[in-house]
Amino acid sequence: MADEDVTRRTWLAAERTWLAWWRTALGTAVAALAVGRLAPELTGGTNWPWILVGTGYAVLAIAMFIAGHARHRHVEEALEAGTFSRLDRRVVDGMTVVGALLALSTIALIVFAL
C-alpha cells in the first residue's frame, strides 16, 4: 500500500510539473500579446520594435509548450522504467538566455519609448 501511495504521488507530481510548464507558456503568450500588440498602441511611437519583441515572447511560449510536452513524456517513460529523467541543461540554458534577452529588450523599449 505504501509503495502504491508513493507511486501515485510521484505521478501526480509529474502531472503538476507539466501543468506548470503550461501555465508558464500561457503567461508568456499573454506577455507576447501585451508587448507586441497593446504596448505599441499605448506608446504611439514606432511599432516594429514592440512587434519584434512580442514575437520573441510568442516564440518562447511555443518553445515552452513543446519542451513541457517533451519533458512530461520523458518523465513518464522514466517513471514506467523506474529511473530518473534529468532535464536537459541546454533547454534550461537556452530558455534562460532567451528570456533574459527578451526582458532586457522590453526594458530598453520602455526606457527609450521607441
N, C-alpha and C. Protein backbone atom coordinates (compact mmCIF):
# COMPACT_ATOMS: atom_id res chain seq x y z
N MET A 1 0.82 -1.20 0.00
CA MET A 1 0.00 0.00 0.00
C MET A 1 0.86 1.26 0.00
N ALA A 2 1.94 1.27 0.80
CA ALA A 2 2.81 2.45 0.87
C ALA A 2 3.49 2.70 -0.47
N ASP A 3 3.92 1.61 -1.16
CA ASP A 3 4.54 1.76 -2.48
C ASP A 3 3.56 2.35 -3.48
N GLU A 4 2.30 1.92 -3.39
CA GLU A 4 1.27 2.45 -4.27
C GLU A 4 1.08 3.94 -4.06
N ASP A 5 1.07 4.36 -2.80
CA ASP A 5 0.88 5.76 -2.46
C ASP A 5 2.04 6.61 -2.98
N VAL A 6 3.26 6.12 -2.83
CA VAL A 6 4.44 6.85 -3.32
C VAL A 6 4.38 6.95 -4.84
N THR A 7 4.02 5.89 -5.50
CA THR A 7 3.92 5.90 -6.96
C THR A 7 2.86 6.89 -7.41
N ARG A 8 1.73 6.88 -6.77
CA ARG A 8 0.64 7.79 -7.12
C ARG A 8 1.08 9.24 -6.94
N ARG A 9 1.73 9.54 -5.81
CA ARG A 9 2.20 10.91 -5.56
C ARG A 9 3.24 11.33 -6.59
N THR A 10 4.10 10.41 -6.98
CA THR A 10 5.13 10.74 -7.97
C THR A 10 4.50 11.05 -9.32
N TRP A 11 3.52 10.26 -9.73
CA TRP A 11 2.83 10.52 -11.00
C TRP A 11 2.09 11.85 -10.95
N LEU A 12 1.44 12.13 -9.82
CA LEU A 12 0.71 13.39 -9.69
C LEU A 12 1.67 14.59 -9.68
N ALA A 13 2.84 14.43 -9.08
CA ALA A 13 3.84 15.50 -9.09
C ALA A 13 4.31 15.76 -10.52
N ALA A 14 4.48 14.71 -11.28
CA ALA A 14 4.88 14.87 -12.69
C ALA A 14 3.79 15.61 -13.47
N GLU A 15 2.55 15.30 -13.17
CA GLU A 15 1.44 15.98 -13.84
C GLU A 15 1.40 17.46 -13.45
N ARG A 16 1.63 17.76 -12.18
CA ARG A 16 1.65 19.17 -11.75
C ARG A 16 2.79 19.93 -12.42
N THR A 17 3.90 19.27 -12.61
CA THR A 17 5.04 19.90 -13.29
C THR A 17 4.67 20.22 -14.73
N TRP A 18 4.00 19.30 -15.39
CA TRP A 18 3.57 19.54 -16.77
C TRP A 18 2.60 20.74 -16.81
N LEU A 19 1.70 20.78 -15.84
CA LEU A 19 0.77 21.91 -15.79
C LEU A 19 1.50 23.23 -15.53
N ALA A 20 2.57 23.20 -14.77
CA ALA A 20 3.38 24.41 -14.54
C ALA A 20 4.03 24.88 -15.83
N TRP A 21 4.49 23.95 -16.65
CA TRP A 21 5.02 24.33 -17.98
C TRP A 21 3.93 25.05 -18.77
N TRP A 22 2.71 24.50 -18.73
CA TRP A 22 1.60 25.11 -19.46
C TRP A 22 1.28 26.50 -18.93
N ARG A 23 1.19 26.65 -17.62
CA ARG A 23 0.90 27.98 -17.05
C ARG A 23 1.96 28.99 -17.44
N THR A 24 3.20 28.59 -17.41
CA THR A 24 4.29 29.49 -17.77
C THR A 24 4.21 29.86 -19.25
N ALA A 25 3.94 28.88 -20.08
CA ALA A 25 3.83 29.14 -21.52
C ALA A 25 2.64 30.06 -21.81
N LEU A 26 1.52 29.83 -21.13
CA LEU A 26 0.35 30.71 -21.32
C LEU A 26 0.65 32.13 -20.87
N GLY A 27 1.34 32.27 -19.75
CA GLY A 27 1.73 33.60 -19.27
C GLY A 27 2.65 34.30 -20.26
N THR A 28 3.56 33.55 -20.85
CA THR A 28 4.47 34.11 -21.84
C THR A 28 3.72 34.51 -23.11
N ALA A 29 2.71 33.74 -23.48
CA ALA A 29 1.89 34.09 -24.63
C ALA A 29 1.12 35.39 -24.37
N VAL A 30 0.65 35.56 -23.15
CA VAL A 30 -0.03 36.81 -22.79
C VAL A 30 0.95 37.98 -22.84
N ALA A 31 2.17 37.76 -22.37
CA ALA A 31 3.20 38.80 -22.46
C ALA A 31 3.46 39.16 -23.92
N ALA A 32 3.46 38.16 -24.79
CA ALA A 32 3.65 38.42 -26.22
C ALA A 32 2.57 39.35 -26.75
N LEU A 33 1.34 39.08 -26.38
CA LEU A 33 0.24 39.93 -26.81
C LEU A 33 0.37 41.34 -26.25
N ALA A 34 0.71 41.44 -24.98
CA ALA A 34 0.83 42.76 -24.35
C ALA A 34 1.96 43.57 -24.96
N VAL A 35 3.11 42.95 -25.13
CA VAL A 35 4.26 43.68 -25.66
C VAL A 35 4.11 43.93 -27.16
N GLY A 36 3.66 42.93 -27.89
CA GLY A 36 3.63 43.05 -29.35
C GLY A 36 2.43 43.77 -29.92
N ARG A 37 1.31 43.81 -29.18
CA ARG A 37 0.11 44.41 -29.74
C ARG A 37 -0.40 45.60 -28.92
N LEU A 38 -0.45 45.45 -27.62
CA LEU A 38 -1.02 46.52 -26.78
C LEU A 38 -0.04 47.67 -26.54
N ALA A 39 1.20 47.36 -26.24
CA ALA A 39 2.18 48.41 -25.94
C ALA A 39 2.38 49.39 -27.10
N PRO A 40 2.46 48.92 -28.35
CA PRO A 40 2.64 49.88 -29.44
C PRO A 40 1.49 50.88 -29.55
N GLU A 41 0.28 50.42 -29.25
CA GLU A 41 -0.87 51.32 -29.31
C GLU A 41 -0.83 52.35 -28.19
N LEU A 42 -0.28 51.96 -27.04
CA LEU A 42 -0.21 52.87 -25.90
C LEU A 42 0.92 53.89 -26.02
N THR A 43 2.01 53.49 -26.66
CA THR A 43 3.16 54.39 -26.73
C THR A 43 3.05 55.40 -27.86
N GLY A 44 2.36 55.03 -28.92
CA GLY A 44 2.22 55.94 -30.06
C GLY A 44 3.50 56.15 -30.84
N GLY A 45 4.54 55.38 -30.53
CA GLY A 45 5.81 55.51 -31.25
C GLY A 45 5.91 54.50 -32.38
N THR A 46 7.12 54.15 -32.69
CA THR A 46 7.40 53.16 -33.73
C THR A 46 6.90 51.79 -33.27
N ASN A 47 6.19 51.09 -34.14
CA ASN A 47 5.59 49.81 -33.77
C ASN A 47 6.52 48.61 -33.91
N TRP A 48 7.38 48.62 -34.93
CA TRP A 48 8.11 47.39 -35.25
C TRP A 48 8.98 46.85 -34.12
N PRO A 49 9.63 47.68 -33.29
CA PRO A 49 10.43 47.07 -32.21
C PRO A 49 9.55 46.30 -31.21
N TRP A 50 8.40 46.86 -30.89
CA TRP A 50 7.47 46.19 -29.97
C TRP A 50 6.97 44.89 -30.56
N ILE A 51 6.63 44.92 -31.83
CA ILE A 51 6.13 43.72 -32.51
C ILE A 51 7.22 42.65 -32.55
N LEU A 52 8.45 43.06 -32.80
CA LEU A 52 9.57 42.12 -32.85
C LEU A 52 9.78 41.44 -31.48
N VAL A 53 9.79 42.22 -30.42
CA VAL A 53 9.98 41.65 -29.08
C VAL A 53 8.76 40.80 -28.70
N GLY A 54 7.56 41.25 -29.02
CA GLY A 54 6.36 40.46 -28.75
C GLY A 54 6.39 39.13 -29.48
N THR A 55 6.87 39.14 -30.70
CA THR A 55 7.01 37.89 -31.46
C THR A 55 8.03 36.97 -30.78
N GLY A 56 9.09 37.56 -30.23
CA GLY A 56 10.07 36.76 -29.49
C GLY A 56 9.44 36.06 -28.29
N TYR A 57 8.60 36.79 -27.57
CA TYR A 57 7.88 36.17 -26.44
C TYR A 57 6.97 35.05 -26.94
N ALA A 58 6.32 35.24 -28.07
CA ALA A 58 5.44 34.20 -28.61
C ALA A 58 6.23 32.96 -29.00
N VAL A 59 7.39 33.15 -29.60
CA VAL A 59 8.25 32.02 -29.96
C VAL A 59 8.71 31.29 -28.69
N LEU A 60 9.06 32.04 -27.65
CA LEU A 60 9.45 31.43 -26.38
C LEU A 60 8.28 30.63 -25.79
N ALA A 61 7.07 31.15 -25.89
CA ALA A 61 5.89 30.43 -25.40
C ALA A 61 5.72 29.11 -26.14
N ILE A 62 5.88 29.13 -27.45
CA ILE A 62 5.77 27.90 -28.24
C ILE A 62 6.84 26.91 -27.81
N ALA A 63 8.07 27.40 -27.61
CA ALA A 63 9.15 26.52 -27.15
C ALA A 63 8.82 25.91 -25.79
N MET A 64 8.19 26.69 -24.92
CA MET A 64 7.82 26.16 -23.60
C MET A 64 6.75 25.08 -23.71
N PHE A 65 5.78 25.28 -24.58
CA PHE A 65 4.76 24.25 -24.78
C PHE A 65 5.41 22.95 -25.26
N ILE A 66 6.30 23.08 -26.24
CA ILE A 66 6.95 21.90 -26.81
C ILE A 66 7.88 21.24 -25.79
N ALA A 67 8.69 22.05 -25.09
CA ALA A 67 9.60 21.50 -24.09
C ALA A 67 8.83 20.86 -22.94
N GLY A 68 7.73 21.47 -22.53
CA GLY A 68 6.92 20.90 -21.46
C GLY A 68 6.34 19.55 -21.86
N HIS A 69 5.91 19.44 -23.10
CA HIS A 69 5.38 18.17 -23.60
C HIS A 69 6.48 17.11 -23.62
N ALA A 70 7.63 17.48 -24.16
CA ALA A 70 8.74 16.53 -24.24
C ALA A 70 9.20 16.10 -22.85
N ARG A 71 9.26 17.07 -21.94
CA ARG A 71 9.67 16.76 -20.57
C ARG A 71 8.69 15.80 -19.90
N HIS A 72 7.41 16.07 -20.08
CA HIS A 72 6.39 15.20 -19.49
C HIS A 72 6.51 13.78 -20.04
N ARG A 73 6.74 13.67 -21.33
CA ARG A 73 6.88 12.35 -21.96
C ARG A 73 8.11 11.62 -21.41
N HIS A 74 9.23 12.33 -21.28
CA HIS A 74 10.45 11.70 -20.76
C HIS A 74 10.28 11.27 -19.29
N VAL A 75 9.61 12.10 -18.52
CA VAL A 75 9.39 11.76 -17.11
C VAL A 75 8.48 10.54 -17.00
N GLU A 76 7.42 10.50 -17.81
CA GLU A 76 6.53 9.33 -17.78
C GLU A 76 7.28 8.05 -18.14
N GLU A 77 8.12 8.14 -19.17
CA GLU A 77 8.90 6.96 -19.58
C GLU A 77 9.85 6.53 -18.46
N ALA A 78 10.47 7.51 -17.81
CA ALA A 78 11.38 7.19 -16.71
C ALA A 78 10.63 6.58 -15.53
N LEU A 79 9.46 7.10 -15.22
CA LEU A 79 8.66 6.54 -14.12
C LEU A 79 8.26 5.10 -14.41
N GLU A 80 7.87 4.85 -15.65
CA GLU A 80 7.49 3.49 -16.02
C GLU A 80 8.67 2.53 -15.92
N ALA A 81 9.87 3.04 -16.23
CA ALA A 81 11.07 2.21 -16.19
C ALA A 81 11.71 2.17 -14.80
N GLY A 82 11.20 3.01 -13.88
CA GLY A 82 11.77 3.06 -12.54
C GLY A 82 13.10 3.80 -12.48
N THR A 83 13.30 4.73 -13.41
CA THR A 83 14.55 5.50 -13.45
C THR A 83 14.24 6.98 -13.27
N PHE A 84 15.24 7.82 -13.50
CA PHE A 84 15.10 9.26 -13.36
C PHE A 84 15.45 9.93 -14.67
N SER A 85 14.70 10.94 -15.04
CA SER A 85 14.97 11.70 -16.26
C SER A 85 15.37 13.12 -15.89
N ARG A 86 16.62 13.44 -16.13
CA ARG A 86 17.13 14.77 -15.81
C ARG A 86 16.76 15.73 -16.94
N LEU A 87 16.35 16.94 -16.57
CA LEU A 87 16.05 17.97 -17.56
C LEU A 87 17.34 18.38 -18.26
N ASP A 88 17.31 18.39 -19.58
CA ASP A 88 18.49 18.74 -20.38
C ASP A 88 18.92 20.16 -20.06
N ARG A 89 20.15 20.31 -19.66
CA ARG A 89 20.69 21.61 -19.28
C ARG A 89 20.62 22.61 -20.44
N ARG A 90 20.71 22.13 -21.68
CA ARG A 90 20.63 23.03 -22.84
C ARG A 90 19.26 23.70 -22.92
N VAL A 91 18.21 22.99 -22.53
CA VAL A 91 16.87 23.57 -22.51
C VAL A 91 16.81 24.70 -21.48
N VAL A 92 17.32 24.42 -20.30
CA VAL A 92 17.33 25.42 -19.23
C VAL A 92 18.17 26.62 -19.64
N ASP A 93 19.37 26.36 -20.12
CA ASP A 93 20.26 27.45 -20.53
C ASP A 93 19.66 28.28 -21.66
N GLY A 94 19.12 27.60 -22.67
CA GLY A 94 18.54 28.30 -23.82
C GLY A 94 17.36 29.17 -23.43
N MET A 95 16.45 28.63 -22.65
CA MET A 95 15.28 29.41 -22.25
C MET A 95 15.66 30.55 -21.31
N THR A 96 16.67 30.33 -20.49
CA THR A 96 17.14 31.40 -19.60
C THR A 96 17.73 32.55 -20.41
N VAL A 97 18.57 32.24 -21.37
CA VAL A 97 19.19 33.28 -22.20
C VAL A 97 18.14 34.02 -23.01
N VAL A 98 17.24 33.29 -23.66
CA VAL A 98 16.20 33.93 -24.47
C VAL A 98 15.29 34.78 -23.59
N GLY A 99 14.88 34.25 -22.45
CA GLY A 99 14.02 35.02 -21.55
C GLY A 99 14.70 36.28 -21.06
N ALA A 100 15.97 36.18 -20.68
CA ALA A 100 16.71 37.36 -20.22
C ALA A 100 16.85 38.39 -21.34
N LEU A 101 17.16 37.94 -22.54
CA LEU A 101 17.28 38.87 -23.67
C LEU A 101 15.95 39.57 -23.97
N LEU A 102 14.87 38.83 -23.91
CA LEU A 102 13.56 39.44 -24.14
C LEU A 102 13.21 40.44 -23.05
N ALA A 103 13.52 40.09 -21.80
CA ALA A 103 13.26 41.03 -20.70
C ALA A 103 14.10 42.29 -20.86
N LEU A 104 15.37 42.15 -21.22
CA LEU A 104 16.23 43.31 -21.44
C LEU A 104 15.72 44.15 -22.61
N SER A 105 15.26 43.49 -23.64
CA SER A 105 14.70 44.22 -24.79
C SER A 105 13.45 44.98 -24.40
N THR A 106 12.63 44.37 -23.57
CA THR A 106 11.42 45.05 -23.10
C THR A 106 11.79 46.26 -22.25
N ILE A 107 12.76 46.11 -21.39
CA ILE A 107 13.23 47.24 -20.58
C ILE A 107 13.73 48.36 -21.48
N ALA A 108 14.51 48.01 -22.50
CA ALA A 108 15.02 49.03 -23.42
C ALA A 108 13.89 49.76 -24.13
N LEU A 109 12.88 49.01 -24.55
CA LEU A 109 11.75 49.66 -25.22
C LEU A 109 11.00 50.59 -24.27
N ILE A 110 10.87 50.20 -23.03
CA ILE A 110 10.18 51.04 -22.05
C ILE A 110 11.01 52.30 -21.74
N VAL A 111 12.29 52.12 -21.51
CA VAL A 111 13.15 53.24 -21.14
C VAL A 111 13.29 54.24 -22.28
N PHE A 112 13.50 53.71 -23.49
CA PHE A 112 13.72 54.60 -24.62
C PHE A 112 12.43 54.96 -25.35
N ALA A 113 11.32 54.34 -24.95
CA ALA A 113 9.98 54.64 -25.51
C ALA A 113 10.00 54.81 -27.01
N LEU A 114 10.46 53.76 -27.68
CA LEU A 114 10.52 53.82 -29.16
C LEU A 114 9.14 53.81 -29.77
